[in-house]
Amino acid sequence: MTKVYFVRHAEPNYNNHNDALRELSSKGMEDRKLVTKFLVDKHIDVVLSSPYKRAVDTVKDFADSYGIEIDIVYDFRERKVESGWIEDFALFTKMQWDDFTYKLSDGECLQEVQRRNMSALQQVLNKYAGKNIVVGSHGTALSTIINYYDHSFGHNDFERIKNVMPWIVEFVFDEDTKCIMIKEHDLY
């Protein structure tokens, strides 16, 4: 069996509109200790992350505590929304969940995000079969992975978790890389 613990990042600093460089807030920096506490007895072999600072920093406390290097997987990054800041983000996300091909002029649709993240996950499952893996991730990216295995996971579920940070979802795969379990973990 292979276990993958996707860790949605802790609370970011929303005043920083640079998606790749958005750091954690002071609450986020403190809350990442909840991630470390959760993972302490999971016998983690590998720590991977999206390249985005908030995702890396969320799993960094754990990785540093156990001397595990964080390997960056570029395709686990969050979806590109648009070059500018979206004021009505709730409407935008609803439109994307209602139509997986909907995107703004220079952004990504959820179908593209899902395809990219699933390709990265399959490569990880092939490379680290039988291991316990942590992946620093994002709300939308992770939601599209859940949706791939459980099509009932949609906009209402995304709304339910949109403010849950950090958030851990455990996936268990058999030796044929078939997903046999998905479990959400509450850290509070």
Protein backbone atom coordinates (compact mmCIF):
# COMPACT_ATOMS: atom_id res chain seq x y z
CA MET A 1 0.00 0.00 0.00
CA THR A 2 1.00 3.58 -0.68
CA LYS A 3 -0.33 6.41 1.47
CA VAL A 4 -0.34 10.00 0.30
CA TYR A 5 -1.16 12.76 2.78
CA PHE A 6 -2.09 15.86 0.82
CA VAL A 7 -1.66 18.89 3.08
CA ARG A 8 -3.57 21.96 2.05
CA HIS A 9 -1.50 24.94 3.14
CA ALA A 10 -2.13 26.88 6.35
CA GLU A 11 -3.59 30.40 6.34
CA PRO A 12 -1.75 32.66 3.88
CA ASN A 13 -1.14 36.39 3.96
CA TYR A 14 -3.96 37.57 1.70
CA ASN A 15 -2.37 41.02 1.39
CA ASN A 16 0.28 39.48 -0.86
CA HIS A 17 -1.33 39.01 -4.28
CA ASN A 18 1.66 37.19 -5.77
CA ASP A 19 0.37 33.63 -5.91
CA ALA A 20 3.79 31.95 -6.09
CA LEU A 21 5.36 34.02 -3.30
CA ARG A 22 2.36 34.41 -0.94
CA GLU A 23 3.69 33.52 2.50
CA LEU A 24 1.83 32.20 5.53
CA SER A 25 0.23 34.58 8.00
CA SER A 26 1.43 34.51 11.61
CA LYS A 27 -1.57 32.23 12.36
CA GLY A 28 -0.52 30.01 9.44
CA MET A 29 3.03 29.80 10.75
CA GLU A 30 1.67 28.66 14.12
CA ASP A 31 -0.91 26.27 12.60
CA ARG A 32 1.70 24.39 10.60
CA LYS A 33 2.71 22.85 13.93
CA LEU A 34 -0.68 21.05 13.79
CA VAL A 35 0.53 19.41 10.58
CA THR A 36 3.74 18.28 12.26
CA LYS A 37 1.78 16.91 15.22
CA PHE A 38 -0.56 14.98 12.91
CA LEU A 39 2.25 13.49 10.81
CA VAL A 40 4.57 12.55 13.68
CA ASP A 41 3.48 8.89 13.85
CA LYS A 42 2.72 8.32 10.14
CA HIS A 43 6.21 6.97 9.24
CA ILE A 44 6.66 9.45 6.40
CA ASP A 45 9.29 8.51 3.81
CA VAL A 46 9.02 11.40 1.36
CA VAL A 47 7.95 15.06 1.52
CA LEU A 48 6.95 16.75 -1.72
CA SER A 49 5.35 20.12 -2.34
CA SER A 50 3.91 22.52 -4.81
CA PRO A 51 6.53 25.19 -5.54
CA TYR A 52 4.36 27.91 -3.98
CA LYS A 53 5.80 29.35 -0.76
CA ARG A 54 2.70 28.83 1.41
CA ALA A 55 2.56 25.11 0.52
CA VAL A 56 6.30 24.57 1.10
CA ASP A 57 6.23 26.47 4.39
CA THR A 58 3.25 24.47 5.67
CA VAL A 59 5.15 21.15 5.42
CA LYS A 60 8.58 22.66 6.23
CA ASP A 61 8.19 22.47 10.03
CA PHE A 62 7.58 18.71 9.77
CA ALA A 63 10.30 18.11 7.17
CA ASP A 64 12.88 20.10 9.14
CA SER A 65 11.96 18.34 12.39
CA TYR A 66 12.67 14.94 10.82
CA GLY A 67 15.54 15.88 8.51
CA ILE A 68 13.59 15.17 5.33
CA GLU A 69 14.33 17.28 2.27
CA ILE A 70 11.30 18.77 0.51
CA ASP A 71 11.25 17.92 -3.18
CA ILE A 72 9.35 20.39 -5.34
CA VAL A 73 6.86 19.02 -7.88
CA TYR A 74 5.92 21.91 -10.12
CA ASP A 75 2.73 20.26 -11.39
CA PHE A 76 1.24 20.14 -7.87
CA ARG A 77 0.91 23.95 -7.96
CA GLU A 78 -2.43 25.68 -7.55
CA ARG A 79 -4.42 26.63 -10.62
CA LYS A 80 -3.69 29.87 -12.38
CA VAL A 81 -6.76 32.06 -12.07
CA GLU A 82 -5.81 35.18 -14.06
CA SER A 83 -3.00 37.72 -14.16
CA GLY A 84 -5.00 40.13 -12.02
CA TRP A 85 -6.78 39.77 -8.68
CA ILE A 86 -10.37 38.44 -8.87
CA GLU A 87 -12.76 40.54 -6.79
CA ASP A 88 -15.78 38.17 -6.89
CA PHE A 89 -13.88 34.96 -6.25
CA ALA A 90 -16.98 33.10 -5.00
CA LEU A 91 -18.76 33.61 -8.32
CA PHE A 92 -15.63 32.64 -10.25
CA THR A 93 -15.20 29.37 -8.33
CA LYS A 94 -18.88 28.47 -8.76
CA MET A 95 -18.58 29.02 -12.50
CA GLN A 96 -15.49 26.79 -12.60
CA TRP A 97 -17.12 23.98 -10.60
CA ASP A 98 -20.27 24.21 -12.74
CA ASP A 99 -18.19 23.95 -15.92
CA PHE A 100 -14.77 22.24 -15.58
CA THR A 101 -13.69 23.88 -18.86
CA TYR A 102 -14.46 27.47 -17.74
CA LYS A 103 -11.45 29.76 -17.39
CA LEU A 104 -10.48 33.37 -17.73
CA SER A 105 -8.33 34.59 -20.62
CA ASP A 106 -4.94 33.56 -19.24
CA GLY A 107 -5.99 31.20 -16.47
CA GLU A 108 -6.54 27.45 -16.15
CA CYS A 109 -9.82 25.57 -16.06
CA LEU A 110 -10.38 22.89 -13.41
CA GLN A 111 -10.08 20.19 -16.07
CA GLU A 112 -6.52 21.37 -16.84
CA VAL A 113 -5.65 21.59 -13.14
CA GLN A 114 -7.02 18.11 -12.51
CA ARG A 115 -5.17 16.63 -15.48
CA ARG A 116 -1.87 18.23 -14.40
CA ASN A 117 -2.23 17.20 -10.75
CA MET A 118 -3.30 13.65 -11.61
CA SER A 119 -0.33 13.24 -13.95
CA ALA A 120 2.00 14.38 -11.16
CA LEU A 121 0.30 12.07 -8.66
CA GLN A 122 0.62 9.07 -10.98
CA GLN A 123 4.35 9.76 -11.38
CA VAL A 124 4.69 9.98 -7.57
CA LEU A 125 2.79 6.71 -7.10
CA ASN A 126 5.04 4.96 -9.62
CA LYS A 127 8.26 6.36 -8.13
CA TYR A 128 7.39 5.88 -4.45
CA ALA A 129 5.24 2.74 -4.44
CA GLY A 130 4.75 1.34 -0.95
CA LYS A 131 5.89 4.58 0.74
CA ASN A 132 4.17 7.09 3.00
CA ILE A 133 4.22 10.45 1.24
CA VAL A 134 3.37 14.03 2.20
CA VAL A 135 2.44 16.55 -0.49
CA GLY A 136 2.17 20.28 0.29
CA SER A 137 -0.86 21.36 -1.72
CA HIS A 138 -3.69 23.85 -2.27
CA GLY A 139 -7.46 23.91 -1.85
CA THR A 140 -8.49 23.86 -5.49
CA ALA A 141 -5.72 21.56 -6.70
CA LEU A 142 -6.47 19.07 -3.93
CA SER A 143 -10.22 19.33 -4.54
CA THR A 144 -9.76 18.38 -8.19
CA ILE A 145 -7.79 15.29 -7.12
CA ILE A 146 -10.58 14.25 -4.75
CA ASN A 147 -13.11 14.89 -7.54
CA TYR A 148 -11.15 12.62 -9.87
CA TYR A 149 -11.70 9.67 -7.53
CA ASP A 150 -15.06 10.78 -6.12
CA HIS A 151 -17.16 12.62 -8.70
CA SER A 152 -19.67 13.63 -6.02
CA PHE A 153 -17.06 16.01 -4.58
CA GLY A 154 -18.08 19.33 -6.12
CA HIS A 155 -18.74 22.99 -5.51
CA ASN A 156 -20.60 22.48 -2.21
CA ASP A 157 -17.68 20.46 -0.84
CA PHE A 158 -15.23 23.09 -2.06
CA GLU A 159 -17.27 25.76 -0.25
CA ARG A 160 -17.24 23.59 2.90
CA ILE A 161 -13.43 23.41 2.96
CA LYS A 162 -12.50 26.77 1.45
CA ASN A 163 -11.58 28.27 4.84
CA VAL A 164 -10.16 25.08 6.38
CA MET A 165 -6.42 25.65 6.57
CA PRO A 166 -4.40 23.59 7.08
CA TRP A 167 -6.39 20.58 5.88
CA ILE A 168 -5.11 17.03 5.38
CA VAL A 169 -6.63 14.44 3.08
CA GLU A 170 -5.24 10.90 3.20
CA PHE A 171 -5.33 8.74 0.08
CA VAL A 172 -4.54 5.03 0.23
CA PHE A 173 -3.56 3.19 -2.96
CA ASP A 174 -3.17 -0.53 -3.54
CA GLU A 175 -0.21 -2.09 -5.37
CA ASP A 176 -1.93 -1.36 -8.70
CA THR A 177 -2.17 2.36 -7.78
CA LYS A 178 -5.94 2.04 -7.42
CA CYS A 179 -7.30 4.47 -4.83
CA ILE A 180 -8.99 2.37 -2.13
CA MET A 181 -9.61 5.05 0.51
CA ILE A 182 -9.92 8.81 0.89
CA LYS A 183 -10.17 10.24 4.38
CA GLU A 184 -10.31 13.86 5.53
CA HIS A 185 -8.52 14.69 8.78
CA ASP A 186 -9.60 17.49 11.10
CA LEU A 187 -6.59 19.08 12.77
CA TYR A 188 -8.52 21.15 15.32
